[in-house]
Amino acid sequence: MKQHNTLSDLGERALIKIIENIIYESTGKELIQDDSFFYALPPNINENVMAVFNSDMLVSTTDIPNQMTCYQMGWKAVIMNISDLIVKNVKPRAIIISLGLPRDLRIDHFEKIIKGIVDCSIKYDVDYIGGDLNETKEIIINPTVYGYQEKSRIIFRKGAREGEMLVANGQFGLTGVGFDILLNKKGNLMQFPSYQKSIMSVLEPGDFKGEAFILGGGDLVSASIDSSDGLLKSLTELISSNSNIGFEIFFNEELIDKEAMQYSKEFHVSLKNLVLNAGEEFIHLFTISQEDFHKASEKMREKDMKLYQIGRVISEEKIYLLENNQKVEIKTNGFQHFNQ
């Protein structure tokens, strides 16, 4: 009997059956078999409820380090999409996945990609309802995630005001360290055991505790953004979405993870670059008034969560770094596809 090793040995219909089986075994739910995908709206929906979508593509040549497993590819493809909804105080409800796969991809690797997608969807209570499958030269995972929320409770990018605080639900620098180890040093967990947290922040990110759901539900936040393109690029996007505001960033222990500080000293790598420009942190940034910050911090403590005060909103359309009583303007475009 012929042994099936690659996707070309099976064909599209058999691969779809594998997806269906993994979803059913993991969730007890079946894929929708139709020309379109259908998902029930909440009962008593009204005109103030908005449907919210996001679609970010994971491409093997630009987004996937060699050390990343197929399971982690599937996991990360989901994380990078649901993060953009969660930061807006929108619970992700359903996800559609379009897959571009090489014909010589091993079947067990394909199964692991699907398992990563399904496991991450289960963790965040998102229904995987269908998608598309096509042959490509490299691995491409293109999810579209869907949710809904009352417009008044969505935390948009626009809304930041001068004098407010800039806070985050995590500290920066880990992915900068992780990428430096994985891409520049071609290292792994075995070779860099002291930096497991950093490496895993790249390979298997995402530990959303729902800060935005608490803050947005209490009307405590004026604006938000997911920092997947790096801290400075994300702040630049916030400046573009608002009028006459900028930021002062406190370059201190509140902003920077200790592991990044340790790595910078040990390997003489720029700490500012690790913290400000790395990207793919999936840390959520919020602007909030000083008065509301105390209320928000109390709510976070009740849920065993924490907000980090990393800066403040100013009236200039610039970004400054405050370190050791010195104030320096920072200019960057952050990561951009197609740039050299």
Protein backbone atom coordinates (compact mmCIF):
# COMPACT_ATOMS: atom_id res chain seq x y z
CA MET A 1 0.00 0.00 0.00
CA LYS A 2 1.31 3.45 -0.93
CA GLN A 3 2.35 5.58 2.01
CA HIS A 4 1.04 9.16 1.98
CA ASN A 5 3.81 11.57 2.96
CA THR A 6 3.06 14.95 1.34
CA LEU A 7 -0.01 16.99 0.45
CA SER A 8 0.31 16.04 -3.21
CA ASP A 9 -0.26 12.39 -2.22
CA LEU A 10 -3.73 13.20 -0.89
CA GLY A 11 -5.28 16.16 -2.70
CA GLU A 12 -7.56 18.97 -1.55
CA ARG A 13 -10.64 16.98 -0.52
CA ALA A 14 -8.67 14.66 1.74
CA LEU A 15 -6.91 17.62 3.34
CA ILE A 16 -10.21 19.34 4.07
CA LYS A 17 -11.35 16.09 5.68
CA ILE A 18 -8.28 16.20 7.94
CA ILE A 19 -9.20 19.75 8.98
CA GLU A 20 -12.78 18.68 9.67
CA ASN A 21 -11.63 15.72 11.76
CA ILE A 22 -9.23 17.77 13.89
CA ILE A 23 -11.88 20.41 14.56
CA TYR A 24 -14.52 17.83 15.40
CA GLU A 25 -12.21 15.82 17.66
CA SER A 26 -11.15 18.98 19.52
CA THR A 27 -14.47 20.84 19.73
CA GLY A 28 -17.32 18.53 18.78
CA LYS A 29 -18.32 21.07 16.10
CA GLU A 30 -18.46 20.65 12.34
CA LEU A 31 -17.26 22.95 9.56
CA ILE A 32 -19.96 24.71 7.58
CA GLN A 33 -20.34 23.02 4.19
CA ASP A 34 -21.68 25.76 1.91
CA ASP A 35 -20.61 28.47 -0.55
CA SER A 36 -20.48 31.03 2.27
CA PHE A 37 -20.01 30.94 6.03
CA PHE A 38 -22.79 31.80 8.44
CA TYR A 39 -22.58 32.84 12.06
CA ALA A 40 -25.44 33.70 14.40
CA LEU A 41 -25.77 37.26 15.65
CA PRO A 42 -26.56 37.85 19.33
CA PRO A 43 -30.25 37.90 20.33
CA ASN A 44 -31.96 41.29 20.47
CA ILE A 45 -29.19 42.90 18.42
CA ASN A 46 -29.73 46.62 17.82
CA GLU A 47 -28.41 49.27 15.47
CA ASN A 48 -25.74 50.34 17.98
CA VAL A 49 -23.92 47.00 17.71
CA MET A 50 -21.03 46.93 15.23
CA ALA A 51 -19.53 43.90 13.51
CA VAL A 52 -15.73 44.02 13.87
CA PHE A 53 -13.26 42.16 11.62
CA ASN A 54 -9.50 41.73 11.34
CA SER A 55 -7.30 39.89 8.85
CA ASP A 56 -3.51 39.61 9.23
CA MET A 57 -1.51 37.21 7.06
CA LEU A 58 1.29 34.93 8.31
CA VAL A 59 3.83 34.22 5.53
CA SER A 60 6.64 31.72 6.01
CA THR A 61 9.45 33.70 4.33
CA THR A 62 8.83 36.95 6.25
CA ASP A 63 7.13 35.92 9.51
CA ILE A 64 8.41 32.49 10.50
CA PRO A 65 11.87 31.84 12.03
CA ASN A 66 13.44 28.49 11.16
CA GLN A 67 13.10 27.40 14.79
CA MET A 68 9.31 27.77 14.76
CA THR A 69 7.34 24.51 14.61
CA CYS A 70 4.33 23.96 12.39
CA TYR A 71 2.12 23.86 15.48
CA GLN A 72 3.46 27.28 16.54
CA MET A 73 2.77 28.68 13.04
CA GLY A 74 -0.89 27.82 13.40
CA TRP A 75 -1.03 29.17 16.94
CA LYS A 76 0.63 32.48 16.06
CA ALA A 77 -1.61 33.04 13.02
CA VAL A 78 -4.62 33.06 15.33
CA ILE A 79 -2.98 35.16 18.07
CA MET A 80 -1.94 37.95 15.72
CA ASN A 81 -5.54 38.33 14.54
CA ILE A 82 -7.52 38.05 17.76
CA SER A 83 -5.16 40.49 19.53
CA ASP A 84 -6.41 43.35 17.36
CA LEU A 85 -10.00 42.70 18.43
CA ILE A 86 -9.31 42.11 22.11
CA VAL A 87 -7.45 45.43 22.47
CA LYS A 88 -10.62 47.14 21.19
CA ASN A 89 -12.79 45.50 23.88
CA VAL A 90 -14.29 43.21 21.25
CA LYS A 91 -14.48 39.52 22.04
CA PRO A 92 -13.45 37.41 19.02
CA ARG A 93 -16.32 35.06 18.14
CA ALA A 94 -15.40 33.20 14.96
CA ILE A 95 -12.47 32.73 12.62
CA ILE A 96 -12.15 31.77 8.94
CA ILE A 97 -8.75 30.50 7.76
CA SER A 98 -7.44 30.62 4.19
CA LEU A 99 -4.39 28.38 3.75
CA GLY A 100 -1.78 28.51 0.99
CA LEU A 101 0.41 25.39 1.18
CA PRO A 102 3.25 23.88 -0.88
CA ARG A 103 2.43 20.55 -2.51
CA ASP A 104 5.53 18.95 -0.94
CA LEU A 105 4.56 19.89 2.63
CA ARG A 106 4.50 16.80 4.80
CA ILE A 107 1.05 15.65 5.92
CA ASP A 108 2.05 15.47 9.59
CA HIS A 109 3.28 19.08 9.36
CA PHE A 110 -0.05 20.10 7.83
CA GLU A 111 -1.88 18.38 10.69
CA LYS A 112 0.25 20.22 13.24
CA ILE A 113 -0.54 23.59 11.64
CA ILE A 114 -4.25 22.83 11.90
CA LYS A 115 -3.85 21.59 15.48
CA GLY A 116 -2.12 24.85 16.44
CA ILE A 117 -4.94 26.87 14.87
CA VAL A 118 -7.62 24.81 16.60
CA ASP A 119 -5.94 24.77 20.04
CA CYS A 120 -5.44 28.55 20.06
CA SER A 121 -9.03 29.08 18.91
CA ILE A 122 -10.26 26.86 21.75
CA LYS A 123 -8.15 28.67 24.35
CA TYR A 124 -9.74 32.00 23.45
CA ASP A 125 -13.22 30.56 22.83
CA VAL A 126 -13.26 31.35 19.09
CA ASP A 127 -15.21 29.16 16.66
CA TYR A 128 -13.20 27.95 13.63
CA ILE A 129 -16.01 27.86 11.06
CA GLY A 130 -14.29 27.33 7.69
CA GLY A 131 -11.97 28.79 5.09
CA ASP A 132 -10.15 28.05 1.86
CA LEU A 133 -7.26 25.84 0.76
CA ASN A 134 -4.91 26.49 -2.16
CA GLU A 135 -1.49 25.52 -3.48
CA THR A 136 1.31 28.07 -3.06
CA LYS A 137 5.11 28.16 -3.16
CA GLU A 138 5.36 28.80 0.59
CA ILE A 139 3.20 28.47 3.69
CA ILE A 140 0.63 31.26 3.95
CA ILE A 141 -1.95 31.36 6.74
CA ASN A 142 -4.53 34.12 6.32
CA PRO A 143 -7.19 34.21 9.04
CA THR A 144 -10.15 36.55 9.23
CA VAL A 145 -11.53 36.95 12.72
CA TYR A 146 -14.96 38.30 13.59
CA GLY A 147 -16.64 39.78 16.66
CA TYR A 148 -19.26 42.34 17.61
CA GLN A 149 -19.68 45.02 20.23
CA GLU A 150 -21.78 48.06 21.06
CA LYS A 151 -20.17 51.06 19.39
CA SER A 152 -20.03 53.00 22.66
CA ARG A 153 -17.93 50.25 24.27
CA ILE A 154 -15.37 49.84 21.48
CA ILE A 155 -11.98 51.39 22.30
CA PHE A 156 -10.87 53.06 19.07
CA ARG A 157 -7.43 54.47 18.26
CA LYS A 158 -8.90 57.95 18.18
CA GLY A 159 -9.65 59.57 21.51
CA ALA A 160 -6.31 60.17 23.25
CA ARG A 161 -6.02 63.53 25.00
CA GLU A 162 -3.14 65.67 26.25
CA GLY A 163 -2.25 65.00 29.88
CA GLU A 164 -3.42 61.39 29.87
CA MET A 165 -1.21 58.50 30.87
CA LEU A 166 0.10 55.89 28.45
CA VAL A 167 -0.20 52.42 29.98
CA ALA A 168 0.48 48.86 28.81
CA ASN A 169 -0.58 45.40 29.90
CA GLY A 170 3.00 44.10 29.60
CA GLN A 171 6.64 45.13 29.47
CA PHE A 172 8.75 45.52 26.34
CA GLY A 173 11.99 43.99 25.09
CA LEU A 174 11.26 40.26 25.13
CA THR A 175 10.56 39.85 21.43
CA GLY A 176 13.57 42.02 20.62
CA VAL A 177 15.71 39.54 22.53
CA GLY A 178 13.88 36.57 21.02
CA PHE A 179 14.36 37.74 17.45
CA ASP A 180 18.03 38.56 18.05
CA ILE A 181 18.64 35.03 19.35
CA LEU A 182 16.59 33.25 16.69
CA LEU A 183 17.48 35.33 13.62
CA ASN A 184 20.90 36.89 14.29
CA LYS A 185 22.51 34.27 16.51
CA LYS A 186 20.64 31.32 14.94
CA GLY A 187 20.12 30.06 18.49
CA ASN A 188 17.47 28.05 20.32
CA LEU A 189 16.18 27.30 23.81
CA MET A 190 18.88 24.73 24.51
CA GLN A 191 21.66 27.21 23.72
CA PHE A 192 20.05 30.18 25.53
CA PRO A 193 18.22 28.68 28.54
CA SER A 194 18.32 31.97 30.47
CA TYR A 195 16.15 33.60 27.79
CA GLN A 196 13.31 31.11 27.49
CA LYS A 197 10.69 33.79 28.11
CA SER A 198 12.07 35.91 25.27
CA ILE A 199 12.34 33.06 22.77
CA MET A 200 8.83 31.80 23.53
CA SER A 201 7.44 35.33 23.17
CA VAL A 202 8.33 34.97 19.46
CA LEU A 203 7.59 31.30 18.89
CA GLU A 204 4.39 30.95 20.91
CA PRO A 205 3.05 34.39 21.88
CA GLY A 206 -0.18 35.37 23.54
CA ASP A 207 -1.41 35.34 27.11
CA PHE A 208 -4.33 37.73 26.93
CA LYS A 209 -6.07 38.13 30.28
CA GLY A 210 -8.72 40.51 29.02
CA GLU A 211 -7.54 43.86 30.36
CA ALA A 212 -9.41 45.68 27.60
CA PHE A 213 -12.66 43.94 28.54
CA ILE A 214 -12.38 45.34 32.07
CA LEU A 215 -11.17 48.80 31.07
CA GLY A 216 -13.51 49.23 28.11
CA GLY A 217 -16.46 47.89 30.03
CA GLY A 218 -15.91 50.52 32.69
CA ASP A 219 -15.38 53.37 30.21
CA LEU A 220 -11.95 54.03 31.69
CA VAL A 221 -9.88 54.15 28.47
CA SER A 222 -9.85 56.85 25.77
CA ALA A 223 -7.81 55.06 23.05
CA SER A 224 -6.01 51.77 22.43
CA ILE A 225 -3.72 49.96 19.99
CA ASP A 226 -2.02 46.58 19.72
CA SER A 227 1.78 46.90 19.58
CA SER A 228 2.38 44.17 17.00
CA ASP A 229 4.52 46.48 14.80
CA GLY A 230 6.75 47.69 17.63
CA LEU A 231 6.27 50.31 20.32
CA LEU A 232 7.39 53.34 18.32
CA LYS A 233 5.49 52.35 15.17
CA SER A 234 2.36 51.79 17.27
CA LEU A 235 2.68 55.20 18.93
CA THR A 236 3.18 56.77 15.50
CA GLU A 237 -0.10 55.17 14.41
CA LEU A 238 -1.84 56.62 17.48
CA ILE A 239 -0.48 60.08 16.65
CA SER A 240 -1.80 59.72 13.08
CA SER A 241 -5.25 58.76 14.37
CA ASN A 242 -5.52 61.71 16.76
CA SER A 243 -5.03 65.47 16.52
CA ASN A 244 -2.21 67.45 18.13
CA ILE A 245 -0.90 64.76 20.44
CA GLY A 246 2.41 62.99 20.93
CA PHE A 247 4.11 60.95 23.66
CA GLU A 248 6.81 61.04 26.26
CA ILE A 249 8.09 57.52 27.03
CA PHE A 250 9.64 56.69 30.40
CA PHE A 251 12.66 54.53 29.59
CA ASN A 252 12.87 52.72 32.93
CA GLU A 253 12.12 49.46 34.76
CA GLU A 254 8.37 49.96 34.39
CA LEU A 255 8.68 49.86 30.59
CA ILE A 256 11.44 47.27 30.15
CA ASP A 257 11.35 43.57 31.02
CA LYS A 258 14.29 42.46 33.22
CA GLU A 259 15.22 39.73 30.76
CA ALA A 260 15.83 42.35 28.07
CA MET A 261 18.02 44.37 30.44
CA GLN A 262 20.06 41.27 31.25
CA TYR A 263 20.46 40.32 27.57
CA SER A 264 21.51 43.83 26.56
CA LYS A 265 24.28 43.85 29.17
CA GLU A 266 25.46 40.30 28.49
CA PHE A 267 25.64 40.57 24.70
CA HIS A 268 26.17 44.34 24.29
CA VAL A 269 23.01 44.79 22.23
CA SER A 270 21.23 48.17 22.16
CA LEU A 271 18.51 48.10 24.81
CA LYS A 272 16.64 50.92 23.08
CA ASN A 273 16.43 48.94 19.86
CA LEU A 274 15.25 45.80 21.68
CA VAL A 275 12.50 47.74 23.43
CA LEU A 276 11.37 50.30 20.88
CA ASN A 277 11.57 48.62 17.48
CA ALA A 278 11.25 44.85 17.78
CA GLY A 279 7.55 44.31 17.07
CA GLU A 280 5.24 41.32 17.45
CA GLU A 281 4.88 41.83 21.21
CA PHE A 282 1.07 41.82 21.04
CA ILE A 283 1.16 44.07 24.10
CA HIS A 284 -1.90 46.27 24.46
CA LEU A 285 -1.44 50.02 24.84
CA PHE A 286 -4.08 52.32 26.37
CA THR A 287 -4.41 56.03 27.08
CA ILE A 288 -6.19 56.83 30.32
CA SER A 289 -6.68 59.86 32.56
CA GLN A 290 -4.71 60.05 35.80
CA GLU A 291 -7.94 60.02 37.77
CA ASP A 292 -9.22 56.89 36.05
CA PHE A 293 -5.83 55.15 36.30
CA HIS A 294 -6.34 54.58 40.03
CA LYS A 295 -9.76 53.03 39.38
CA ALA A 296 -8.34 50.91 36.59
CA SER A 297 -5.39 49.73 38.70
CA GLU A 298 -7.75 48.63 41.45
CA LYS A 299 -9.85 46.67 38.98
CA MET A 300 -6.70 45.02 37.64
CA ARG A 301 -5.54 44.00 41.12
CA GLU A 302 -8.90 42.38 41.79
CA LYS A 303 -8.32 40.16 38.71
CA ASP A 304 -4.61 39.57 39.48
CA MET A 305 -3.61 41.77 36.52
CA LYS A 306 -1.34 44.78 36.24
CA LEU A 307 -1.04 47.93 34.17
CA TYR A 308 2.37 49.48 33.54
CA GLN A 309 2.63 53.26 33.34
CA ILE A 310 5.08 53.76 30.48
CA GLY A 311 4.53 57.38 29.41
CA ARG A 312 2.18 60.29 28.97
CA VAL A 313 0.32 62.08 26.21
CA ILE A 314 1.68 65.51 25.22
CA SER A 315 0.46 68.28 22.90
CA GLU A 316 3.32 68.00 20.34
CA GLU A 317 3.07 65.52 17.47
CA LYS A 318 6.41 63.98 18.45
CA ILE A 319 7.77 61.09 20.50
CA TYR A 320 10.33 61.76 23.22
CA LEU A 321 12.32 59.35 25.37
CA LEU A 322 12.83 60.34 29.01
CA GLU A 323 15.88 58.70 30.59
CA ASN A 324 18.01 59.85 33.52
CA ASN A 325 16.36 63.29 33.49
CA GLN A 326 17.19 63.72 29.79
CA LYS A 327 14.59 64.22 27.06
CA VAL A 328 15.47 63.09 23.53
CA GLU A 329 13.24 63.09 20.45
CA ILE A 330 12.96 59.68 18.78
CA LYS A 331 12.25 59.30 15.06
CA THR A 332 11.42 55.97 13.45
CA ASN A 333 9.14 54.47 10.84
CA GLY A 334 9.13 51.08 12.53
CA PHE A 335 8.84 47.87 10.53
CA GLN A 336 7.23 48.17 7.11
CA HIS A 337 6.77 45.47 4.48
CA PHE A 338 8.52 46.12 1.14
CA ASN A 339 11.06 48.48 2.76
CA GLN A 340 14.73 47.55 2.46
